[in-house]
N, C-alpha and C. Protein backbone atom coordinates (compact mmCIF):
# COMPACT_ATOMS: atom_id res chain seq x y z
N UNK A 1 2.49 -10.77 -21.53
CA UNK A 1 2.37 -11.15 -20.02
C UNK A 1 1.92 -9.62 -19.49
N UNK A 2 0.83 -9.34 -19.20
CA UNK A 2 0.59 -7.80 -18.34
C UNK A 2 1.10 -7.63 -16.78
N UNK A 3 1.19 -6.52 -16.80
CA UNK A 3 1.97 -6.05 -15.70
C UNK A 3 0.97 -6.37 -14.24
N UNK A 4 2.01 -6.52 -13.18
CA UNK A 4 0.88 -6.60 -12.05
C UNK A 4 1.71 -6.01 -11.20
N UNK A 5 0.57 -5.47 -10.21
CA UNK A 5 0.81 -4.32 -8.97
C UNK A 5 0.58 -5.42 -7.84
N UNK A 6 1.48 -5.32 -6.83
CA UNK A 6 1.31 -5.79 -5.25
C UNK A 6 1.64 -4.54 -4.36
N UNK A 7 0.02 -4.12 -3.62
CA UNK A 7 0.00 -3.26 -2.73
C UNK A 7 0.14 -3.67 -1.59
N UNK A 8 1.19 -3.69 -0.37
CA UNK A 8 1.10 -4.27 0.91
C UNK A 8 1.24 -3.09 1.78
N UNK A 9 -0.13 -2.97 2.63
CA UNK A 9 0.06 -2.27 3.80
C UNK A 9 0.40 -2.97 4.92
N UNK A 10 1.37 -2.03 5.73
CA UNK A 10 2.02 -2.98 7.05
C UNK A 10 1.27 -1.70 7.84
N UNK A 11 0.82 -2.05 8.98
CA UNK A 11 0.20 -1.64 9.76
C UNK A 11 -0.13 -2.38 11.19
N UNK A 12 -1.45 -2.06 11.73
CA UNK A 12 -1.65 -2.49 13.43
C UNK A 12 -3.06 -1.85 13.33
N UNK A 13 -4.07 -3.12 14.21
CA UNK A 13 -5.10 -2.22 14.63
C UNK A 13 -5.41 -0.91 15.30
N UNK A 14 -6.13 -0.32 15.15
CA UNK A 14 -6.59 0.72 16.34
C UNK A 14 -5.38 2.13 15.75
N UNK A 15 -4.77 1.89 14.47
CA UNK A 15 -3.79 2.96 14.28
C UNK A 15 -4.55 3.75 13.25
N UNK A 16 -4.59 5.23 13.62
CA UNK A 16 -5.57 6.36 12.68
C UNK A 16 -4.93 6.21 11.48
N UNK A 17 -3.61 6.35 11.11
CA UNK A 17 -2.80 6.74 10.13
C UNK A 17 -2.84 5.20 9.03
N UNK A 18 -2.90 4.24 9.85
CA UNK A 18 -3.12 3.03 8.72
C UNK A 18 -4.99 3.14 8.29
N UNK A 19 -5.59 3.75 9.27
CA UNK A 19 -6.88 3.87 8.49
C UNK A 19 -6.94 4.59 7.20
N UNK A 20 -6.68 5.93 7.42
CA UNK A 20 -6.45 6.51 6.61
C UNK A 20 -5.68 6.06 5.13
N UNK A 21 -4.64 5.68 5.08
CA UNK A 21 -3.60 4.77 4.37
C UNK A 21 -4.20 3.85 4.01
N UNK A 22 -5.38 3.20 4.23
CA UNK A 22 -6.43 1.97 3.60
C UNK A 22 -7.34 2.70 2.99
N UNK A 23 -7.73 3.56 3.31
CA UNK A 23 -8.29 4.53 2.60
C UNK A 23 -8.43 5.52 1.45
N UNK A 24 -6.99 5.42 1.69
CA UNK A 24 -6.32 6.26 0.09
C UNK A 24 -5.90 4.98 -0.81
N UNK A 25 -5.48 4.42 -0.18
CA UNK A 25 -5.23 3.05 -1.27
C UNK A 25 -6.44 2.12 -1.77
N UNK A 26 -7.47 2.20 -1.16
CA UNK A 26 -8.84 1.81 -1.41
C UNK A 26 -9.20 2.45 -3.32
N UNK A 27 -9.35 4.19 -2.83
CA UNK A 27 -9.56 5.08 -3.40
C UNK A 27 -8.50 5.19 -4.73
N UNK A 28 -7.60 5.16 -4.62
CA UNK A 28 -6.52 5.01 -5.62
C UNK A 28 -7.16 3.49 -6.87
N UNK A 29 -6.84 2.48 -6.18
CA UNK A 29 -6.88 1.30 -6.76
C UNK A 29 -8.82 1.33 -7.71
N UNK A 30 -9.83 1.92 -6.90
CA UNK A 30 -10.76 1.98 -6.93
C UNK A 30 -11.05 3.21 -8.48
N UNK A 31 -9.94 3.78 -8.69
CA UNK A 31 -9.99 4.63 -9.76
C UNK A 31 -9.19 4.39 -10.96
N UNK A 32 -8.32 3.09 -10.79
CA UNK A 32 -7.83 2.75 -11.89
C UNK A 32 -8.47 1.69 -12.04
N UNK A 33 -9.39 1.24 -11.94
CA UNK A 33 -10.01 0.21 -12.18
C UNK A 33 -10.86 0.16 -13.78
N UNK A 34 -11.05 1.34 -14.25
CA UNK A 34 -11.68 1.81 -15.62
C UNK A 34 -9.94 2.03 -16.79
N UNK A 35 -8.68 2.29 -15.91
CA UNK A 35 -7.49 2.32 -16.76
C UNK A 35 -7.24 1.53 -17.99
N UNK A 36 -7.25 1.22 -19.30
CA UNK A 36 -7.03 0.61 -20.16
C UNK A 36 -5.20 0.04 -19.79
N UNK A 37 -4.73 1.33 -19.03
CA UNK A 37 -3.33 1.23 -18.83
C UNK A 37 -2.57 0.72 -17.73
N UNK A 38 -3.46 0.25 -16.69
CA UNK A 38 -3.36 0.29 -15.20
C UNK A 38 -3.09 -1.43 -15.51
N UNK A 39 -2.37 -1.79 -14.46
CA UNK A 39 -1.91 -3.01 -14.45
C UNK A 39 -2.69 -4.09 -13.17
N UNK A 40 -2.73 -5.05 -13.31
CA UNK A 40 -3.99 -5.73 -12.61
C UNK A 40 -3.12 -5.86 -10.72
N UNK A 41 -3.73 -5.23 -9.47
CA UNK A 41 -3.68 -4.94 -8.76
C UNK A 41 -4.03 -5.75 -7.82
N UNK A 42 -3.10 -6.19 -6.84
CA UNK A 42 -3.59 -7.07 -5.42
C UNK A 42 -3.21 -6.29 -4.05
N UNK A 43 -3.89 -6.16 -3.44
CA UNK A 43 -4.11 -5.40 -2.11
C UNK A 43 -3.82 -6.03 -1.10
N UNK A 44 -3.04 -6.30 0.21
CA UNK A 44 -2.81 -7.33 1.11
C UNK A 44 -2.57 -6.34 2.08
N UNK A 45 -2.68 -6.84 3.42
CA UNK A 45 -2.75 -6.07 4.53
C UNK A 45 -1.74 -6.60 5.58
N UNK A 46 -0.75 -6.41 6.30
CA UNK A 46 -0.09 -7.06 7.19
C UNK A 46 -0.15 -6.31 8.54
N UNK A 47 0.18 -6.90 9.92
CA UNK A 47 -0.15 -6.08 10.95
C UNK A 47 1.19 -6.66 11.85
N UNK A 48 1.77 -5.69 12.24
CA UNK A 48 2.70 -5.52 13.00
C UNK A 48 2.99 -6.61 14.25
N UNK A 49 1.61 -6.72 14.69
CA UNK A 49 0.95 -7.37 16.12
C UNK A 49 1.02 -8.96 15.60
N UNK A 50 1.24 -9.26 14.27
CA UNK A 50 1.13 -10.98 13.79
C UNK A 50 2.51 -11.01 13.53
N UNK A 51 3.68 -10.26 13.75
CA UNK A 51 5.02 -10.66 12.69
C UNK A 51 6.07 -9.94 13.45
N UNK A 52 7.07 -11.05 13.88
CA UNK A 52 7.87 -10.09 14.77
C UNK A 52 9.03 -9.46 14.10
N UNK A 53 9.23 -10.08 12.49
CA UNK A 53 9.71 -9.73 11.69
C UNK A 53 9.76 -8.02 11.43
N UNK A 54 8.20 -7.94 11.25
CA UNK A 54 7.59 -6.38 10.47
C UNK A 54 7.86 -5.85 11.73
N UNK A 55 7.56 -6.47 12.87
CA UNK A 55 7.12 -5.28 13.99
C UNK A 55 9.05 -4.34 14.45
N UNK A 56 9.92 -5.51 13.97
CA UNK A 56 11.20 -5.13 14.25
C UNK A 56 11.55 -4.19 13.22
N UNK A 57 10.95 -4.11 11.87
CA UNK A 57 11.70 -3.64 11.04
C UNK A 57 10.93 -2.19 10.71
N UNK A 58 9.87 -1.80 11.10
CA UNK A 58 8.70 -1.11 11.14
C UNK A 58 7.85 -0.22 11.90
N UNK A 59 8.14 -0.47 13.55
CA UNK A 59 6.98 -0.34 14.39
C UNK A 59 6.65 0.94 14.45
N UNK A 60 8.41 1.75 14.39
CA UNK A 60 7.93 3.22 14.21
C UNK A 60 7.72 3.99 13.39
N UNK A 61 7.02 3.21 12.27
CA UNK A 61 6.96 3.80 10.91
C UNK A 61 5.93 3.60 10.04
N UNK A 62 5.21 3.00 10.88
CA UNK A 62 3.56 2.37 10.60
C UNK A 62 2.89 3.83 10.19
N UNK A 63 1.97 3.78 8.81
CA UNK A 63 1.68 2.70 8.58
C UNK A 63 2.73 2.29 7.23
N UNK A 64 3.06 1.89 6.74
CA UNK A 64 4.10 1.38 5.58
C UNK A 64 3.44 0.77 4.54
N UNK A 65 3.44 1.28 3.07
CA UNK A 65 3.04 0.95 1.99
C UNK A 65 4.13 -0.06 0.72
N UNK A 66 4.10 -1.10 0.77
CA UNK A 66 5.00 -1.62 -0.40
C UNK A 66 3.98 -1.63 -1.59
N UNK A 67 5.30 -1.36 -2.72
CA UNK A 67 4.77 -1.85 -3.80
C UNK A 67 5.70 -2.51 -4.58
N UNK A 68 4.71 -3.60 -4.90
CA UNK A 68 5.72 -4.99 -5.47
C UNK A 68 6.92 -5.50 -4.21
N UNK A 69 6.78 -5.01 -2.96
CA UNK A 69 8.01 -5.57 -2.38
C UNK A 69 8.44 -4.31 -1.84
N UNK A 70 8.80 -2.99 -2.67
CA UNK A 70 9.46 -1.72 -2.33
C UNK A 70 8.77 -1.02 -1.23
N UNK A 71 9.68 -0.40 -0.21
CA UNK A 71 8.58 0.78 0.39
C UNK A 71 8.46 1.91 -0.33
N UNK A 72 7.46 2.36 -0.85
CA UNK A 72 6.85 3.11 -1.87
C UNK A 72 6.51 4.66 -0.44
N UNK A 73 5.68 4.61 0.64
CA UNK A 73 5.72 5.76 1.66
C UNK A 73 5.65 5.01 3.07
N UNK A 74 5.98 5.87 4.06
CA UNK A 74 5.69 5.34 5.29
C UNK A 74 5.09 6.93 5.93
N UNK A 75 4.36 6.58 6.84
CA UNK A 75 3.32 7.57 7.59
C UNK A 75 2.56 8.12 7.15
N UNK A 76 2.11 8.29 5.72
CA UNK A 76 1.23 9.16 4.76
C UNK A 76 1.39 8.40 3.58
N UNK A 77 0.32 8.34 2.78
CA UNK A 77 0.23 7.58 1.01
C UNK A 77 -0.48 9.24 0.55
N UNK A 78 0.31 9.34 -0.41
CA UNK A 78 -0.09 10.91 -1.42
C UNK A 78 -0.87 10.04 -2.47
N UNK A 79 -2.00 9.70 -2.72
CA UNK A 79 -2.47 9.57 -3.73
C UNK A 79 -2.20 9.75 -5.34
N UNK A 80 -2.19 11.07 -5.57
CA UNK A 80 -1.31 10.85 -6.96
C UNK A 80 0.22 10.42 -7.03
N UNK A 81 1.20 10.23 -5.79
CA UNK A 81 1.85 9.77 -6.32
C UNK A 81 2.03 8.26 -6.52
N UNK A 82 1.18 7.68 -6.06
CA UNK A 82 0.71 6.23 -5.68
C UNK A 82 0.24 5.75 -6.65
N UNK A 83 -0.80 6.44 -7.32
CA UNK A 83 -1.47 6.20 -8.45
C UNK A 83 -0.39 5.97 -9.63
N UNK A 84 0.26 7.39 -9.41
CA UNK A 84 1.49 7.06 -10.75
C UNK A 84 2.37 6.12 -10.82
N UNK A 85 2.79 5.63 -9.55
CA UNK A 85 4.16 4.60 -9.31
C UNK A 85 3.13 3.17 -9.89
N UNK A 86 1.70 2.98 -9.45
CA UNK A 86 1.19 1.97 -10.18
C UNK A 86 1.24 2.01 -11.72
N UNK A 87 0.83 3.14 -12.05
CA UNK A 87 0.56 2.49 -13.34
C UNK A 87 2.10 2.71 -14.28
N UNK A 88 3.26 2.95 -13.65
CA UNK A 88 4.94 3.01 -13.68
C UNK A 88 5.13 1.30 -13.74
N UNK A 89 4.42 0.84 -13.35
CA UNK A 89 4.84 -0.66 -12.91
C UNK A 89 4.77 -1.44 -14.32
């Protein structure tokens, strides 16, 4: 069975840090596309405006990046760290 990585970006519309995080995630995922050792990657995005539980948990920390359900980063996404974490899945 091949490894899978689910990346969840929690943010909200109009958040410039969320826009930057989205761009970093897209760049890292695109760069891993040709890596034979890379897992299958799914990216999803959730808004704190649509979910009271997420808003209560993360309102002061967005963007929050989860990797397979665990917090990987808050506020800023380091591309090298994200890439390494995905490869270690």
